[in-house]
């Protein structure tokens, strides 16, 4: 079993920055894929950014150039640096993990990110 705990969400003005963290515990392996998804009100959950066990990254087109995912394998922690935030980035952000990117089976409780003036 894997436990994922997100932190770092909050309220930020458009153009601002936030850094999300996700700490993993339990039966987590450095080869697991980990990533971030988000769900806005009335919308389906969508991929934001993921990193494979080998370090390959994948980003949603809407966040490319603004968000950066990173991984500290020693701490079993991933981060999402979010810059140039837009109101449309407002959502609950979920941390996820799985054996491969196409099979993310563990989920955190989510952290709210609100971008508003």
PDB file of N, CA and C in Angstrom:
ATOM      1  N   UNK A   1       0.847  -1.193   0.000  1.00  0.00           N
ATOM      2  CA  UNK A   1       0.000   0.000   0.000  1.00  0.00           C
ATOM      3  C   UNK A   1       0.885   1.247   0.000  1.00  0.00           C
ATOM      4  N   UNK A   2       0.430   2.247  -0.682  1.00  0.00           N
ATOM      5  CA  UNK A   2       1.165   3.506  -0.799  1.00  0.00           C
ATOM      6  C   UNK A   2       0.290   4.644  -0.290  1.00  0.00           C
ATOM      7  N   UNK A   3       0.870   5.509   0.501  1.00  0.00           N
ATOM      8  CA  UNK A   3       0.168   6.707   0.966  1.00  0.00           C
ATOM      9  C   UNK A   3       0.826   7.934   0.343  1.00  0.00           C
ATOM     10  N   UNK A   4      -0.009   8.839  -0.139  1.00  0.00           N
ATOM     11  CA  UNK A   4       0.463  10.059  -0.774  1.00  0.00           C
ATOM     12  C   UNK A   4      -0.154  11.250  -0.057  1.00  0.00           C
ATOM     13  N   UNK A   5       0.683  12.201   0.342  1.00  0.00           N
ATOM     14  CA  UNK A   5       0.199  13.370   1.057  1.00  0.00           C
ATOM     15  C   UNK A   5       0.684  14.627   0.334  1.00  0.00           C
ATOM     16  N   UNK A   6      -0.287  15.407  -0.156  1.00  0.00           N
ATOM     17  CA  UNK A   6       0.037  16.643  -0.869  1.00  0.00           C
ATOM     18  C   UNK A   6       0.081  17.827   0.082  1.00  0.00           C
ATOM     19  N   UNK A   7       0.835  18.833  -0.293  1.00  0.00           N
ATOM     20  CA  UNK A   7       0.860  20.090   0.443  1.00  0.00           C
ATOM     21  C   UNK A   7       1.280  21.206  -0.502  1.00  0.00           C
ATOM     22  N   UNK A   8       1.021  22.449  -0.080  1.00  0.00           N
ATOM     23  CA  UNK A   8       1.482  23.594  -0.851  1.00  0.00           C
ATOM     24  C   UNK A   8       0.420  24.344  -1.624  1.00  0.00           C
ATOM     25  N   UNK A   9      -0.801  23.879  -1.597  1.00  0.00           N
ATOM     26  CA  UNK A   9      -1.857  24.596  -2.306  1.00  0.00           C
ATOM     27  C   UNK A   9      -2.216  25.892  -1.603  1.00  0.00           C
ATOM     28  N   UNK A  10      -3.067  26.679  -2.246  1.00  0.00           N
ATOM     29  CA  UNK A  10      -3.490  27.934  -1.646  1.00  0.00           C
ATOM     30  C   UNK A  10      -4.066  28.880  -2.665  1.00  0.00           C
ATOM     31  N   UNK A  11      -4.203  30.131  -2.241  1.00  0.00           N
ATOM     32  CA  UNK A  11      -4.735  31.199  -3.094  1.00  0.00           C
ATOM     33  C   UNK A  11      -3.579  32.050  -3.606  1.00  0.00           C
ATOM     34  N   UNK A  12      -3.570  32.298  -4.902  1.00  0.00           N
ATOM     35  CA  UNK A  12      -2.506  33.101  -5.502  1.00  0.00           C
ATOM     36  C   UNK A  12      -3.112  33.972  -6.586  1.00  0.00           C
ATOM     37  N   UNK A  13      -2.526  35.118  -6.807  1.00  0.00           N
ATOM     38  CA  UNK A  13      -3.002  36.025  -7.850  1.00  0.00           C
ATOM     39  C   UNK A  13      -2.526  35.556  -9.225  1.00  0.00           C
ATOM     40  N   UNK A  14      -3.251  35.909 -10.268  1.00  0.00           N
ATOM     41  CA  UNK A  14      -2.797  35.575 -11.620  1.00  0.00           C
ATOM     42  C   UNK A  14      -1.378  36.071 -11.857  1.00  0.00           C
ATOM     43  N   UNK A  15      -0.572  35.216 -12.479  1.00  0.00           N
ATOM     44  CA  UNK A  15       0.826  35.544 -12.715  1.00  0.00           C
ATOM     45  C   UNK A  15       1.747  35.107 -11.602  1.00  0.00           C
ATOM     46  N   UNK A  16       1.185  34.666 -10.505  1.00  0.00           N
ATOM     47  CA  UNK A  16       1.977  34.245  -9.363  1.00  0.00           C
ATOM     48  C   UNK A  16       2.463  32.813  -9.477  1.00  0.00           C
ATOM     49  N   UNK A  17       3.104  32.351  -8.410  1.00  0.00           N
ATOM     50  CA  UNK A  17       3.709  31.010  -8.391  1.00  0.00           C
ATOM     51  C   UNK A  17       3.315  30.259  -7.127  1.00  0.00           C
ATOM     52  N   UNK A  18       3.290  28.949  -7.257  1.00  0.00           N
ATOM     53  CA  UNK A  18       3.095  28.051  -6.121  1.00  0.00           C
ATOM     54  C   UNK A  18       3.943  26.815  -6.351  1.00  0.00           C
ATOM     55  N   UNK A  19       4.311  26.166  -5.252  1.00  0.00           N
ATOM     56  CA  UNK A  19       5.041  24.901  -5.348  1.00  0.00           C
ATOM     57  C   UNK A  19       4.299  23.856  -4.541  1.00  0.00           C
ATOM     58  N   UNK A  20       3.856  22.822  -5.218  1.00  0.00           N
ATOM     59  CA  UNK A  20       3.193  21.705  -4.562  1.00  0.00           C
ATOM     60  C   UNK A  20       4.213  20.611  -4.244  1.00  0.00           C
ATOM     61  N   UNK A  21       3.969  19.927  -3.138  1.00  0.00           N
ATOM     62  CA  UNK A  21       4.796  18.789  -2.754  1.00  0.00           C
ATOM     63  C   UNK A  21       3.917  17.581  -2.524  1.00  0.00           C
ATOM     64  N   UNK A  22       4.477  16.407  -2.778  1.00  0.00           N
ATOM     65  CA  UNK A  22       3.773  15.155  -2.519  1.00  0.00           C
ATOM     66  C   UNK A  22       4.766  14.167  -1.927  1.00  0.00           C
ATOM     67  N   UNK A  23       4.516  13.797  -0.679  1.00  0.00           N
ATOM     68  CA  UNK A  23       5.376  12.841  -0.003  1.00  0.00           C
ATOM     69  C   UNK A  23       4.723  11.468  -0.038  1.00  0.00           C
ATOM     70  N   UNK A  24       5.480  10.479  -0.469  1.00  0.00           N
ATOM     71  CA  UNK A  24       4.980   9.119  -0.572  1.00  0.00           C
ATOM     72  C   UNK A  24       5.567   8.252   0.529  1.00  0.00           C
ATOM     73  N   UNK A  25       4.755   7.363   1.048  1.00  0.00           N
ATOM     74  CA  UNK A  25       5.231   6.412   2.052  1.00  0.00           C
ATOM     75  C   UNK A  25       4.573   5.067   1.787  1.00  0.00           C
ATOM     76  N   UNK A  26       5.110   4.025   2.434  1.00  0.00           N
ATOM     77  CA  UNK A  26       4.569   2.700   2.218  1.00  0.00           C
ATOM     78  C   UNK A  26       5.394   1.949   1.196  1.00  0.00           C
ATOM     79  N   UNK A  27       4.741   1.117   0.435  1.00  0.00           N
ATOM     80  CA  UNK A  27       5.436   0.264  -0.536  1.00  0.00           C
ATOM     81  C   UNK A  27       5.690   1.027  -1.832  1.00  0.00           C
ATOM     82  N   UNK A  28       6.480   2.085  -1.720  1.00  0.00           N
ATOM     83  CA  UNK A  28       6.798   2.910  -2.876  1.00  0.00           C
ATOM     84  C   UNK A  28       8.201   2.563  -3.351  1.00  0.00           C
ATOM     85  N   UNK A  29       8.351   2.482  -4.636  1.00  0.00           N
ATOM     86  CA  UNK A  29       9.630   2.159  -5.219  1.00  0.00           C
ATOM     87  C   UNK A  29      10.107   3.294  -6.106  1.00  0.00           C
ATOM     88  N   UNK A  30      11.407   3.438  -6.199  1.00  0.00           N
ATOM     89  CA  UNK A  30      11.960   4.512  -7.029  1.00  0.00           C
ATOM     90  C   UNK A  30      11.600   4.322  -8.489  1.00  0.00           C
ATOM     91  N   UNK A  31      11.213   3.096  -8.864  1.00  0.00           N
ATOM     92  CA  UNK A  31      10.843   2.842 -10.254  1.00  0.00           C
ATOM     93  C   UNK A  31       9.396   3.203 -10.544  1.00  0.00           C
ATOM     94  N   UNK A  32       8.623   3.550  -9.503  1.00  0.00           N
ATOM     95  CA  UNK A  32       7.227   3.928  -9.730  1.00  0.00           C
ATOM     96  C   UNK A  32       7.125   5.241 -10.487  1.00  0.00           C
ATOM     97  N   UNK A  33       6.126   5.318 -11.319  1.00  0.00           N
ATOM     98  CA  UNK A  33       5.774   6.598 -11.916  1.00  0.00           C
ATOM     99  C   UNK A  33       5.031   7.428 -10.871  1.00  0.00           C
ATOM    100  N   UNK A  34       5.212   8.725 -10.906  1.00  0.00           N
ATOM    101  CA  UNK A  34       4.492   9.629 -10.014  1.00  0.00           C
ATOM    102  C   UNK A  34       4.096  10.870 -10.794  1.00  0.00           C
ATOM    103  N   UNK A  35       3.040  11.503 -10.343  1.00  0.00           N
ATOM    104  CA  UNK A  35       2.626  12.666 -11.101  1.00  0.00           C
ATOM    105  C   UNK A  35       1.517  13.463 -10.445  1.00  0.00           C
ATOM    106  N   UNK A  36       1.086  14.471 -11.182  1.00  0.00           N
ATOM    107  CA  UNK A  36       0.048  15.386 -10.730  1.00  0.00           C
ATOM    108  C   UNK A  36      -1.095  15.410 -11.726  1.00  0.00           C
ATOM    109  N   UNK A  37      -2.296  15.377 -11.179  1.00  0.00           N
ATOM    110  CA  UNK A  37      -3.512  15.524 -11.956  1.00  0.00           C
ATOM    111  C   UNK A  37      -4.330  16.634 -11.294  1.00  0.00           C
ATOM    112  N   UNK A  38      -5.306  17.154 -12.011  1.00  0.00           N
ATOM    113  CA  UNK A  38      -6.153  18.180 -11.415  1.00  0.00           C
ATOM    114  C   UNK A  38      -7.592  18.027 -11.883  1.00  0.00           C
ATOM    115  N   UNK A  39      -8.495  18.526 -11.058  1.00  0.00           N
ATOM    116  CA  UNK A  39      -9.912  18.487 -11.396  1.00  0.00           C
ATOM    117  C   UNK A  39     -10.548  19.803 -11.008  1.00  0.00           C
ATOM    118  N   UNK A  40     -11.051  20.495 -12.004  1.00  0.00           N
ATOM    119  CA  UNK A  40     -11.761  21.753 -11.782  1.00  0.00           C
ATOM    120  C   UNK A  40     -13.253  21.458 -11.620  1.00  0.00           C
ATOM    121  N   UNK A  41     -13.993  22.359 -10.981  1.00  0.00           N
ATOM    122  CA  UNK A  41     -15.434  22.133 -10.792  1.00  0.00           C
ATOM    123  C   UNK A  41     -16.153  21.884 -12.114  1.00  0.00           C
ATOM    124  N   UNK A  42     -16.919  20.816 -12.154  1.00  0.00           N
ATOM    125  CA  UNK A  42     -17.682  20.501 -13.354  1.00  0.00           C
ATOM    126  C   UNK A  42     -16.888  19.886 -14.476  1.00  0.00           C
ATOM    127  N   UNK A  43     -15.615  19.601 -14.233  1.00  0.00           N
ATOM    128  CA  UNK A  43     -14.776  19.021 -15.278  1.00  0.00           C
ATOM    129  C   UNK A  43     -14.195  17.690 -14.829  1.00  0.00           C
ATOM    130  N   UNK A  44     -13.720  16.916 -15.798  1.00  0.00           N
ATOM    131  CA  UNK A  44     -13.102  15.646 -15.475  1.00  0.00           C
ATOM    132  C   UNK A  44     -11.663  15.861 -14.997  1.00  0.00           C
ATOM    133  N   UNK A  45     -11.177  14.880 -14.257  1.00  0.00           N
ATOM    134  CA  UNK A  45      -9.797  14.932 -13.819  1.00  0.00           C
ATOM    135  C   UNK A  45      -8.873  14.813 -15.034  1.00  0.00           C
ATOM    136  N   UNK A  46      -7.813  15.620 -15.054  1.00  0.00           N
ATOM    137  CA  UNK A  46      -6.901  15.613 -16.187  1.00  0.00           C
ATOM    138  C   UNK A  46      -5.450  15.553 -15.729  1.00  0.00           C
ATOM    139  N   UNK A  47      -4.626  15.006 -16.587  1.00  0.00           N
ATOM    140  CA  UNK A  47      -3.194  14.932 -16.320  1.00  0.00           C
ATOM    141  C   UNK A  47      -2.595  16.328 -16.386  1.00  0.00           C
ATOM    142  N   UNK A  48      -1.722  16.628 -15.438  1.00  0.00           N
ATOM    143  CA  UNK A  48      -0.975  17.875 -15.454  1.00  0.00           C
ATOM    144  C   UNK A  48       0.476  17.587 -15.833  1.00  0.00           C
ATOM    145  N   UNK A  49       1.125  16.731 -15.064  1.00  0.00           N
ATOM    146  CA  UNK A  49       2.518  16.379 -15.324  1.00  0.00           C
ATOM    147  C   UNK A  49       2.832  15.078 -14.612  1.00  0.00           C
ATOM    148  N   UNK A  50       3.597  14.236 -15.269  1.00  0.00           N
ATOM    149  CA  UNK A  50       4.014  12.978 -14.665  1.00  0.00           C
ATOM    150  C   UNK A  50       5.486  12.745 -14.939  1.00  0.00           C
ATOM    151  N   UNK A  51       6.102  11.946 -14.064  1.00  0.00           N
ATOM    152  CA  UNK A  51       7.508  11.564 -14.244  1.00  0.00           C
ATOM    153  C   UNK A  51       7.601  10.062 -14.063  1.00  0.00           C
ATOM    154  N   UNK A  52       8.262   9.405 -14.995  1.00  0.00           N
ATOM    155  CA  UNK A  52       8.399   7.952 -14.923  1.00  0.00           C
ATOM    156  C   UNK A  52       9.515   7.569 -13.967  1.00  0.00           C
ATOM    157  N   UNK A  53       9.627   6.273 -13.717  1.00  0.00           N
ATOM    158  CA  UNK A  53      10.694   5.796 -12.854  1.00  0.00           C
ATOM    159  C   UNK A  53      12.084   6.093 -13.419  1.00  0.00           C
ATOM    160  N   UNK A  54      12.175   6.198 -14.728  1.00  0.00           N
ATOM    161  CA  UNK A  54      13.465   6.491 -15.365  1.00  0.00           C
ATOM    162  C   UNK A  54      13.727   7.981 -15.477  1.00  0.00           C
ATOM    163  N   UNK A  55      12.751   8.803 -15.074  1.00  0.00           N
ATOM    164  CA  UNK A  55      12.952  10.244 -15.099  1.00  0.00           C
ATOM    165  C   UNK A  55      12.340  10.968 -16.274  1.00  0.00           C
ATOM    166  N   UNK A  56      11.719  10.246 -17.179  1.00  0.00           N
ATOM    167  CA  UNK A  56      11.055  10.889 -18.313  1.00  0.00           C
ATOM    168  C   UNK A  56       9.834  11.658 -17.819  1.00  0.00           C
ATOM    169  N   UNK A  57       9.578  12.791 -18.422  1.00  0.00           N
ATOM    170  CA  UNK A  57       8.456  13.624 -18.006  1.00  0.00           C
ATOM    171  C   UNK A  57       7.464  13.821 -19.136  1.00  0.00           C
ATOM    172  N   UNK A  58       6.232  14.085 -18.739  1.00  0.00           N
ATOM    173  CA  UNK A  58       5.150  14.328 -19.683  1.00  0.00           C
ATOM    174  C   UNK A  58       4.291  15.439 -19.107  1.00  0.00           C
ATOM    175  N   UNK A  59       3.977  16.430 -19.928  1.00  0.00           N
ATOM    176  CA  UNK A  59       3.184  17.568 -19.473  1.00  0.00           C
ATOM    177  C   UNK A  59       1.941  17.750 -20.337  1.00  0.00           C
ATOM    178  N   UNK A  60       0.895  18.261 -19.732  1.00  0.00           N
ATOM    179  CA  UNK A  60      -0.256  18.691 -20.504  1.00  0.00           C
ATOM    180  C   UNK A  60       0.149  19.920 -21.316  1.00  0.00           C
ATOM    181  N   UNK A  61      -0.394  20.052 -22.506  1.00  0.00           N
ATOM    182  CA  UNK A  61      -0.047  21.189 -23.358  1.00  0.00           C
ATOM    183  C   UNK A  61      -0.336  22.519 -22.665  1.00  0.00           C
ATOM    184  N   UNK A  62      -1.380  22.541 -21.867  1.00  0.00           N
ATOM    185  CA  UNK A  62      -1.811  23.789 -21.230  1.00  0.00           C
ATOM    186  C   UNK A  62      -0.832  24.302 -20.173  1.00  0.00           C
ATOM    187  N   UNK A  63       0.087  23.449 -19.718  1.00  0.00           N
ATOM    188  CA  UNK A  63       1.021  23.881 -18.661  1.00  0.00           C
ATOM    189  C   UNK A  63       2.473  23.885 -19.116  1.00  0.00           C
ATOM    190  N   UNK A  64       2.735  23.423 -20.327  1.00  0.00           N
ATOM    191  CA  UNK A  64       4.112  23.389 -20.823  1.00  0.00           C
ATOM    192  C   UNK A  64       4.726  24.779 -20.790  1.00  0.00           C
ATOM    193  N   UNK A  65       5.953  24.844 -20.290  1.00  0.00           N
ATOM    194  CA  UNK A  65       6.644  26.119 -20.204  1.00  0.00           C
ATOM    195  C   UNK A  65       6.332  26.901 -18.950  1.00  0.00           C
ATOM    196  N   UNK A  66       5.307  26.478 -18.210  1.00  0.00           N
ATOM    197  CA  UNK A  66       4.936  27.188 -16.974  1.00  0.00           C
ATOM    198  C   UNK A  66       5.121  26.314 -15.732  1.00  0.00           C
ATOM    199  N   UNK A  67       4.860  25.020 -15.863  1.00  0.00           N
ATOM    200  CA  UNK A  67       4.961  24.097 -14.733  1.00  0.00           C
ATOM    201  C   UNK A  67       6.170  23.184 -14.923  1.00  0.00           C
ATOM    202  N   UNK A  68       6.778  22.808 -13.797  1.00  0.00           N
ATOM    203  CA  UNK A  68       7.902  21.878 -13.833  1.00  0.00           C
ATOM    204  C   UNK A  68       7.728  20.835 -12.748  1.00  0.00           C
ATOM    205  N   UNK A  69       7.777  19.576 -13.141  1.00  0.00           N
ATOM    206  CA  UNK A  69       7.716  18.480 -12.178  1.00  0.00           C
ATOM    207  C   UNK A  69       9.128  18.003 -11.890  1.00  0.00           C
ATOM    208  N   UNK A  70       9.376  17.706 -10.625  1.00  0.00           N
ATOM    209  CA  UNK A  70      10.681  17.184 -10.234  1.00  0.00           C
ATOM    210  C   UNK A  70      10.494  16.110  -9.175  1.00  0.00           C
ATOM    211  N   UNK A  71      11.547  15.330  -8.999  1.00  0.00           N
ATOM    212  CA  UNK A  71      11.443  14.172  -8.116  1.00  0.00           C
ATOM    213  C   UNK A  71      12.705  14.054  -7.278  1.00  0.00           C
ATOM    214  N   UNK A  72      12.509  13.852  -5.978  1.00  0.00           N
ATOM    215  CA  UNK A  72      13.606  13.558  -5.067  1.00  0.00           C
ATOM    216  C   UNK A  72      13.435  12.107  -4.642  1.00  0.00           C
ATOM    217  N   UNK A  73      14.146  11.223  -5.310  1.00  0.00           N
ATOM    218  CA  UNK A  73      13.976   9.797  -5.066  1.00  0.00           C
ATOM    219  C   UNK A  73      14.333   9.416  -3.638  1.00  0.00           C
ATOM    220  N   UNK A  74      15.358  10.030  -3.094  1.00  0.00           N
ATOM    221  CA  UNK A  74      15.799   9.701  -1.733  1.00  0.00           C
ATOM    222  C   UNK A  74      14.716  10.020  -0.703  1.00  0.00           C
ATOM    223  N   UNK A  75      13.922  11.047  -0.988  1.00  0.00           N
ATOM    224  CA  UNK A  75      12.864  11.455  -0.056  1.00  0.00           C
ATOM    225  C   UNK A  75      11.491  10.923  -0.460  1.00  0.00           C
ATOM    226  N   UNK A  76      11.428  10.177  -1.561  1.00  0.00           N
ATOM    227  CA  UNK A  76      10.137   9.698  -2.077  1.00  0.00           C
ATOM    228  C   UNK A  76       9.138  10.853  -2.196  1.00  0.00           C
ATOM    229  N   UNK A  77       9.612  11.935  -2.739  1.00  0.00           N
ATOM    230  CA  UNK A  77       8.804  13.154  -2.843  1.00  0.00           C
ATOM    231  C   UNK A  77       8.875  13.709  -4.262  1.00  0.00           C
ATOM    232  N   UNK A  78       7.745  14.185  -4.743  1.00  0.00           N
ATOM    233  CA  UNK A  78       7.747  14.915  -6.005  1.00  0.00           C
ATOM    234  C   UNK A  78       7.234  16.323  -5.765  1.00  0.00           C
ATOM    235  N   UNK A  79       7.587  17.198  -6.680  1.00  0.00           N
ATOM    236  CA  UNK A  79       7.217  18.598  -6.573  1.00  0.00           C
ATOM    237  C   UNK A  79       6.603  19.060  -7.888  1.00  0.00           C
ATOM    238  N   UNK A  80       5.773  20.070  -7.794  1.00  0.00           N
ATOM    239  CA  UNK A  80       5.257  20.714  -8.993  1.00  0.00           C
ATOM    240  C   UNK A  80       5.435  22.215  -8.810  1.00  0.00           C
ATOM    241  N   UNK A  81       6.396  22.766  -9.510  1.00  0.00           N
ATOM    242  CA  UNK A  81       6.600  24.212  -9.493  1.00  0.00           C
ATOM    243  C   UNK A  81       5.688  24.822 -10.545  1.00  0.00           C
ATOM    244  N   UNK A  82       4.806  25.696 -10.114  1.00  0.00           N
ATOM    245  CA  UNK A  82       3.820  26.309 -11.004  1.00  0.00           C
ATOM    246  C   UNK A  82       4.076  27.804 -11.085  1.00  0.00           C
ATOM    247  N   UNK A  83       4.426  28.272 -12.252  1.00  0.00           N
ATOM    248  CA  UNK A  83       4.693  29.691 -12.493  1.00  0.00           C
ATOM    249  C   UNK A  83       3.679  30.259 -13.465  1.00  0.00           C
ATOM    250  N   UNK A  84       3.596  31.566 -13.502  1.00  0.00           N
ATOM    251  CA  UNK A  84       2.682  32.259 -14.422  1.00  0.00           C
ATOM    252  C   UNK A  84       1.279  31.673 -14.340  1.00  0.00           C
ATOM    253  N   UNK A  85       0.802  31.520 -13.145  1.00  0.00           N
ATOM    254  CA  UNK A  85      -0.498  30.882 -12.941  1.00  0.00           C
ATOM    255  C   UNK A  85      -1.630  31.710 -13.528  1.00  0.00           C
ATOM    256  N   UNK A  86      -2.631  30.984 -14.036  1.00  0.00           N
ATOM    257  CA  UNK A  86      -3.795  31.598 -14.666  1.00  0.00           C
ATOM    258  C   UNK A  86      -5.060  31.182 -13.914  1.00  0.00           C
ATOM    259  N   UNK A  87      -6.118  31.953 -14.005  1.00  0.00           N
ATOM    260  CA  UNK A  87      -7.375  31.546 -13.348  1.00  0.00           C
ATOM    261  C   UNK A  87      -7.829  30.155 -13.767  1.00  0.00           C
ATOM    262  N   UNK A  88      -7.565  29.771 -14.997  1.00  0.00           N
ATOM    263  CA  UNK A  88      -7.983  28.443 -15.463  1.00  0.00           C
ATOM    264  C   UNK A  88      -7.159  27.309 -14.859  1.00  0.00           C
ATOM    265  N   UNK A  89      -6.122  27.641 -14.105  1.00  0.00           N
ATOM    266  CA  UNK A  89      -5.375  26.613 -13.381  1.00  0.00           C
ATOM    267  C   UNK A  89      -6.043  26.264 -12.051  1.00  0.00           C
ATOM    268  N   UNK A  90      -7.079  26.999 -11.694  1.00  0.00           N
ATOM    269  CA  UNK A  90      -7.803  26.730 -10.456  1.00  0.00           C
ATOM    270  C   UNK A  90      -8.411  25.335 -10.489  1.00  0.00           C
ATOM    271  N   UNK A  91      -8.087  24.541  -9.472  1.00  0.00           N
ATOM    272  CA  UNK A  91      -8.557  23.157  -9.418  1.00  0.00           C
ATOM    273  C   UNK A  91      -8.056  22.518  -8.130  1.00  0.00           C
ATOM    274  N   UNK A  92      -8.558  21.323  -7.862  1.00  0.00           N
ATOM    275  CA  UNK A  92      -7.958  20.483  -6.842  1.00  0.00           C
ATOM    276  C   UNK A  92      -6.867  19.660  -7.527  1.00  0.00           C
ATOM    277  N   UNK A  93      -5.679  19.723  -6.981  1.00  0.00           N
ATOM    278  CA  UNK A  93      -4.538  19.013  -7.559  1.00  0.00           C
ATOM    279  C   UNK A  93      -4.277  17.739  -6.756  1.00  0.00           C
ATOM    280  N   UNK A  94      -4.195  16.630  -7.476  1.00  0.00           N
ATOM    281  CA  UNK A  94      -4.004  15.321  -6.852  1.00  0.00           C
ATOM    282  C   UNK A  94      -2.641  14.753  -7.230  1.00  0.00           C
ATOM    283  N   UNK A  95      -1.994  14.177  -6.241  1.00  0.00           N
ATOM    284  CA  UNK A  95      -0.771  13.416  -6.478  1.00  0.00           C
ATOM    285  C   UNK A  95      -1.148  11.972  -6.757  1.00  0.00           C
ATOM    286  N   UNK A  96      -0.402  11.338  -7.649  1.00  0.00           N
ATOM    287  CA  UNK A  96      -0.714   9.964  -8.008  1.00  0.00           C
ATOM    288  C   UNK A  96       0.559   9.174  -8.229  1.00  0.00           C
ATOM    289  N   UNK A  97       0.441   7.862  -8.080  1.00  0.00           N
ATOM    290  CA  UNK A  97       1.585   6.994  -8.305  1.00  0.00           C
ATOM    291  C   UNK A  97       1.114   5.642  -8.824  1.00  0.00           C
ATOM    292  N   UNK A  98       2.006   4.969  -9.529  1.00  0.00           N
ATOM    293  CA  UNK A  98       1.679   3.649 -10.040  1.00  0.00           C
ATOM    294  C   UNK A  98       2.908   2.999 -10.631  1.00  0.00           C
ATOM    295  N   UNK A  99       2.794   1.758 -11.024  1.00  0.00           N
ATOM    296  CA  UNK A  99       3.953   1.059 -11.583  1.00  0.00           C
ATOM    297  C   UNK A  99       4.450   1.674 -12.885  1.00  0.00           C
ATOM    298  N   UNK A 100       3.524   2.192 -13.681  1.00  0.00           N
ATOM    299  CA  UNK A 100       3.875   2.901 -14.911  1.00  0.00           C
ATOM    300  C   UNK A 100       2.899   4.066 -15.086  1.00  0.00           C
ATOM    301  N   UNK A 101       3.244   5.003 -15.959  1.00  0.00           N
ATOM    302  CA  UNK A 101       2.409   6.188 -16.166  1.00  0.00           C
ATOM    303  C   UNK A 101       0.999   5.817 -16.591  1.00  0.00           C
ATOM    304  N   UNK A 102       0.871   4.765 -17.363  1.00  0.00           N
ATOM    305  CA  UNK A 102      -0.454   4.366 -17.850  1.00  0.00           C
ATOM    306  C   UNK A 102      -1.271   3.611 -16.814  1.00  0.00           C
ATOM    307  N   UNK A 103      -0.704   3.397 -15.636  1.00  0.00           N
ATOM    308  CA  UNK A 103      -1.427   2.665 -14.591  1.00  0.00           C
ATOM    309  C   UNK A 103      -1.157   3.313 -13.243  1.00  0.00           C
ATOM    310  N   UNK A 104      -1.741   4.493 -13.067  1.00  0.00           N
ATOM    311  CA  UNK A 104      -1.596   5.234 -11.810  1.00  0.00           C
ATOM    312  C   UNK A 104      -2.717   4.768 -10.887  1.00  0.00           C
ATOM    313  N   UNK A 105      -2.376   4.048  -9.830  1.00  0.00           N
ATOM    314  CA  UNK A 105      -3.387   3.388  -9.008  1.00  0.00           C
ATOM    315  C   UNK A 105      -3.494   3.940  -7.597  1.00  0.00           C
ATOM    316  N   UNK A 106      -2.553   4.772  -7.187  1.00  0.00           N
ATOM    317  CA  UNK A 106      -2.605   5.359  -5.853  1.00  0.00           C
ATOM    318  C   UNK A 106      -2.848   6.862  -5.984  1.00  0.00           C
ATOM    319  N   UNK A 107      -3.679   7.372  -5.078  1.00  0.00           N
ATOM    320  CA  UNK A 107      -4.065   8.783  -5.151  1.00  0.00           C
ATOM    321  C   UNK A 107      -4.019   9.431  -3.782  1.00  0.00           C
ATOM    322  N   UNK A 108      -3.598  10.690  -3.755  1.00  0.00           N
ATOM    323  CA  UNK A 108      -3.664  11.474  -2.541  1.00  0.00           C
ATOM    324  C   UNK A 108      -5.044  12.088  -2.370  1.00  0.00           C
ATOM    325  N   UNK A 109      -5.210  12.851  -1.298  1.00  0.00           N
ATOM    326  CA  UNK A 109      -6.512  13.464  -1.000  1.00  0.00           C
ATOM    327  C   UNK A 109      -6.741  14.746  -1.784  1.00  0.00           C
ATOM    328  N   UNK A 110      -5.694  15.318  -2.315  1.00  0.00           N
ATOM    329  CA  UNK A 110      -5.830  16.536  -3.108  1.00  0.00           C
ATOM    330  C   UNK A 110      -5.546  17.795  -2.313  1.00  0.00           C
ATOM    331  N   UNK A 111      -5.109  18.817  -3.031  1.00  0.00           N
ATOM    332  CA  UNK A 111      -4.871  20.126  -2.427  1.00  0.00           C
ATOM    333  C   UNK A 111      -5.443  21.189  -3.361  1.00  0.00           C
ATOM    334  N   UNK A 112      -6.139  22.149  -2.789  1.00  0.00           N
ATOM    335  CA  UNK A 112      -6.821  23.165  -3.590  1.00  0.00           C
ATOM    336  C   UNK A 112      -5.850  24.249  -4.030  1.00  0.00           C
ATOM    337  N   UNK A 113      -5.895  24.568  -5.304  1.00  0.00           N
ATOM    338  CA  UNK A 113      -5.162  25.711  -5.859  1.00  0.00           C
ATOM    339  C   UNK A 113      -6.188  26.664  -6.459  1.00  0.00           C
ATOM    340  N   UNK A 114      -6.180  27.889  -5.991  1.00  0.00           N
ATOM    341  CA  UNK A 114      -7.102  28.897  -6.496  1.00  0.00           C
ATOM    342  C   UNK A 114      -6.300  30.088  -7.013  1.00  0.00           C
ATOM    343  N   UNK A 115      -6.530  30.425  -8.270  1.00  0.00           N
ATOM    344  CA  UNK A 115      -5.854  31.556  -8.897  1.00  0.00           C
ATOM    345  C   UNK A 115      -6.893  32.638  -9.147  1.00  0.00           C
ATOM    346  N   UNK A 116      -6.803  33.698  -8.384  1.00  0.00           N
ATOM    347  CA  UNK A 116      -7.815  34.750  -8.461  1.00  0.00           C
ATOM    348  C   UNK A 116      -7.249  36.055  -7.930  1.00  0.00           C
ATOM    349  N   UNK A 117      -7.733  37.152  -8.508  1.00  0.00           N
ATOM    350  CA  UNK A 117      -7.339  38.473  -8.002  1.00  0.00           C
ATOM    351  C   UNK A 117      -8.340  38.966  -6.978  1.00  0.00           C
TER     352      UNK A 117
END
